[in-house]
Amino acid sequence: MTPAATRLKYLQAYPDSLQAQVLGLLERGELAALLLRKYPTRHEVRTDKALFDYAVALKNSCMRHAEPLSHVSFDSKLQVIAHALGTHTTVSRVQGGKLKSKREIRIASVFKAGPPEFLRMIVVHELAHLKIRAHDKAFYQLCTHMEPAYHQYELDLRLYLTQLDVAGQMVWGD
């Protein structure tokens, strides 16, 4: 892997021309400023309760018939380095004579600080997994149904992660 590819690990699936633009922005120290101009505000979701309420409201507005969520929280153990922005799990337990399943979503705590668009993109992604497990065409169609700008937000989130990885600075603070 080249040094440039190592620096742009979140963007490896994107065209070389885009990667070259990002490298230029990084070298000139302009990537953080670009992200801040594009996304000037920080979301207000600070607690696990607020995140649960946010995710349930989004689920109810876009996926009313999907299974209910039992738990949504920020998780400091999720490592973005391992390419996990969030996780979705189904926990099954036997209660009496019935098998009960609970749906849980965990979002990497690094996203407690960031613009509302990034949080929405991650929650939409995890909610889409309630219906579709694989990252296939139907999955991304559901994501864009819930958030029409999903792909743009995903790219910009990857730029943000690149900024964090290379420059080590948070754009929106702690």
Protein backbone atom coordinates (compact mmCIF):
# COMPACT_ATOMS: atom_id res chain seq x y z
CA MET A 1 0.00 0.00 0.00
CA THR A 2 1.41 3.39 -0.95
CA PRO A 3 1.75 6.17 1.66
CA ALA A 4 -1.08 8.07 -0.06
CA ALA A 5 -3.34 4.99 0.03
CA THR A 6 -2.57 4.55 3.73
CA ARG A 7 -3.53 8.17 4.37
CA LEU A 8 -6.75 7.73 2.40
CA LYS A 9 -7.93 4.37 3.75
CA TYR A 10 -11.54 5.59 4.05
CA LEU A 11 -11.58 6.65 0.39
CA GLN A 12 -9.97 3.67 -1.34
CA ALA A 13 -13.15 2.71 -3.22
CA TYR A 14 -13.42 6.19 -4.75
CA PRO A 15 -11.86 7.26 -8.07
CA ASP A 16 -8.20 8.26 -8.22
CA SER A 17 -9.18 11.78 -9.30
CA LEU A 18 -11.18 12.30 -6.09
CA GLN A 19 -8.38 10.86 -3.98
CA ALA A 20 -5.93 13.27 -5.65
CA GLN A 21 -8.22 16.21 -4.80
CA VAL A 22 -8.39 15.08 -1.16
CA LEU A 23 -4.62 14.68 -0.96
CA GLY A 24 -4.26 18.24 -2.27
CA LEU A 25 -6.68 19.54 0.36
CA LEU A 26 -4.80 17.69 3.09
CA GLU A 27 -1.40 18.94 1.94
CA ARG A 28 -2.65 22.53 1.90
CA GLY A 29 -4.41 22.06 5.27
CA GLU A 30 -7.79 22.95 3.75
CA LEU A 31 -9.90 19.83 4.34
CA ALA A 32 -11.08 20.78 7.84
CA ALA A 33 -12.09 24.27 6.70
CA LEU A 34 -13.99 22.84 3.72
CA LEU A 35 -15.95 20.48 5.98
CA LEU A 36 -16.66 23.23 8.47
CA ARG A 37 -18.00 25.53 5.72
CA LYS A 38 -20.22 22.76 4.38
CA TYR A 39 -21.41 21.57 7.80
CA PRO A 40 -21.11 24.50 10.23
CA THR A 41 -23.30 23.20 13.06
CA ARG A 42 -22.94 20.38 15.52
CA HIS A 43 -25.87 18.10 16.29
CA GLU A 44 -27.57 18.33 19.69
CA VAL A 45 -27.85 14.59 20.41
CA ARG A 46 -25.56 14.17 23.42
CA THR A 47 -27.01 11.32 25.52
CA ASP A 48 -27.98 7.73 24.84
CA LYS A 49 -31.61 8.59 25.65
CA ALA A 50 -31.58 11.43 23.10
CA LEU A 51 -29.97 9.09 20.54
CA PHE A 52 -32.61 6.43 21.20
CA ASP A 53 -35.41 8.99 20.76
CA TYR A 54 -33.76 10.31 17.57
CA ALA A 55 -33.40 6.82 16.06
CA VAL A 56 -36.93 5.74 16.99
CA ALA A 57 -38.43 8.93 15.52
CA LEU A 58 -36.50 8.39 12.28
CA LYS A 59 -37.49 4.72 12.17
CA ASN A 60 -41.14 5.56 12.78
CA SER A 61 -41.19 8.18 10.05
CA CYS A 62 -39.52 5.99 7.41
CA MET A 63 -39.92 2.34 8.46
CA ARG A 64 -43.10 2.09 10.51
CA HIS A 65 -43.47 -1.66 10.01
CA ALA A 66 -39.91 -2.64 10.93
CA GLU A 67 -39.24 -4.36 14.24
CA PRO A 68 -39.08 -1.99 17.21
CA LEU A 69 -35.74 -0.92 18.62
CA SER A 70 -35.00 -1.89 22.20
CA HIS A 71 -31.67 -0.12 22.65
CA VAL A 72 -29.71 2.63 20.88
CA SER A 73 -26.55 4.12 22.35
CA PHE A 74 -23.17 5.67 21.74
CA ASP A 75 -20.42 3.10 22.24
CA SER A 76 -16.87 4.10 23.12
CA LYS A 77 -15.66 0.57 22.34
CA LEU A 78 -16.51 0.77 18.64
CA GLN A 79 -13.35 1.46 16.72
CA VAL A 80 -13.78 3.51 13.57
CA ILE A 81 -10.37 2.17 12.59
CA ALA A 82 -12.04 -1.23 12.11
CA HIS A 83 -14.50 0.51 9.75
CA ALA A 84 -17.38 0.31 12.21
CA LEU A 85 -19.30 3.57 12.40
CA GLY A 86 -22.11 1.78 14.13
CA THR A 87 -23.43 -1.71 14.68
CA HIS A 88 -26.80 -3.36 14.64
CA THR A 89 -27.52 -6.55 16.53
CA THR A 90 -30.41 -8.82 17.25
CA VAL A 91 -30.37 -10.34 20.71
CA SER A 92 -32.61 -13.39 21.09
CA ARG A 93 -33.75 -14.69 24.46
CA VAL A 94 -36.18 -17.36 25.55
CA GLN A 95 -38.88 -15.88 27.75
CA GLY A 96 -41.34 -18.47 28.93
CA GLY A 97 -42.22 -20.56 25.91
CA LYS A 98 -41.46 -17.81 23.39
CA LEU A 99 -38.34 -16.63 21.66
CA LYS A 100 -38.07 -12.85 22.02
CA SER A 101 -35.68 -10.84 19.90
CA LYS A 102 -34.49 -7.35 20.61
CA ARG A 103 -32.92 -4.99 18.08
CA GLU A 104 -30.01 -2.84 19.19
CA ILE A 105 -28.00 -0.11 17.49
CA ARG A 106 -24.70 1.24 18.74
CA ILE A 107 -23.00 4.31 17.25
CA ALA A 108 -19.28 4.99 17.69
CA SER A 109 -18.91 7.66 20.36
CA VAL A 110 -16.60 9.72 18.11
CA PHE A 111 -19.84 10.82 16.43
CA LYS A 112 -21.17 12.53 19.55
CA ALA A 113 -19.47 15.58 18.07
CA GLY A 114 -20.30 16.28 14.47
CA PRO A 115 -22.91 17.73 12.20
CA PRO A 116 -26.49 16.45 12.25
CA GLU A 117 -26.12 15.18 8.68
CA PHE A 118 -23.41 12.69 9.68
CA LEU A 119 -25.40 11.36 12.61
CA ARG A 120 -28.47 11.00 10.40
CA MET A 121 -26.47 9.12 7.76
CA ILE A 122 -25.11 6.64 10.32
CA VAL A 123 -28.51 6.07 11.96
CA VAL A 124 -30.16 5.64 8.54
CA HIS A 125 -27.49 3.09 7.63
CA GLU A 126 -28.04 1.07 10.80
CA LEU A 127 -31.84 1.31 10.52
CA ALA A 128 -31.65 -0.01 6.95
CA HIS A 129 -29.99 -3.12 8.37
CA LEU A 130 -33.22 -3.85 10.26
CA LYS A 131 -34.68 -4.85 6.90
CA ILE A 132 -31.66 -5.70 4.74
CA ARG A 133 -28.50 -7.30 6.10
CA ALA A 134 -26.23 -7.05 3.05
CA HIS A 135 -24.77 -3.89 1.54
CA ASP A 136 -26.45 -4.44 -1.81
CA LYS A 137 -28.44 -2.33 -4.24
CA ALA A 138 -31.70 -2.74 -2.29
CA PHE A 139 -29.93 -1.69 0.93
CA TYR A 140 -28.62 1.55 -0.58
CA GLN A 141 -32.00 2.25 -2.20
CA LEU A 142 -33.58 2.03 1.26
CA CYS A 143 -30.88 4.35 2.66
CA THR A 144 -31.55 6.95 -0.06
CA HIS A 145 -35.29 6.57 0.51
CA MET A 146 -34.78 7.55 4.15
CA GLU A 147 -32.14 10.19 3.35
CA PRO A 148 -31.93 11.40 -0.28
CA ALA A 149 -28.45 12.90 0.29
CA TYR A 150 -27.18 9.65 1.87
CA HIS A 151 -24.31 9.12 -0.60
CA GLN A 152 -23.05 12.71 -0.31
CA TYR A 153 -23.14 12.51 3.48
CA GLU A 154 -21.30 9.19 3.38
CA LEU A 155 -18.53 10.68 1.22
CA ASP A 156 -18.26 13.75 3.44
CA LEU A 157 -18.18 11.56 6.54
CA ARG A 158 -15.31 9.63 4.99
CA LEU A 159 -13.55 12.95 4.37
CA TYR A 160 -14.08 13.82 8.03
CA LEU A 161 -12.63 10.46 9.13
CA THR A 162 -9.67 11.06 6.83
CA GLN A 163 -9.16 14.49 8.41
CA LEU A 164 -9.24 12.90 11.88
CA ASP A 165 -6.90 10.12 10.86
CA VAL A 166 -4.30 12.28 9.10
CA ALA A 167 -4.41 15.56 11.02
CA GLY A 168 -5.78 14.24 14.30
CA GLN A 169 -8.02 17.22 14.81
CA MET A 170 -11.73 17.33 15.44
CA VAL A 171 -13.52 19.80 13.23
CA TRP A 172 -16.50 20.32 15.58
CA GLY A 173 -14.78 20.06 18.93
CA ASP A 174 -15.25 17.64 21.78
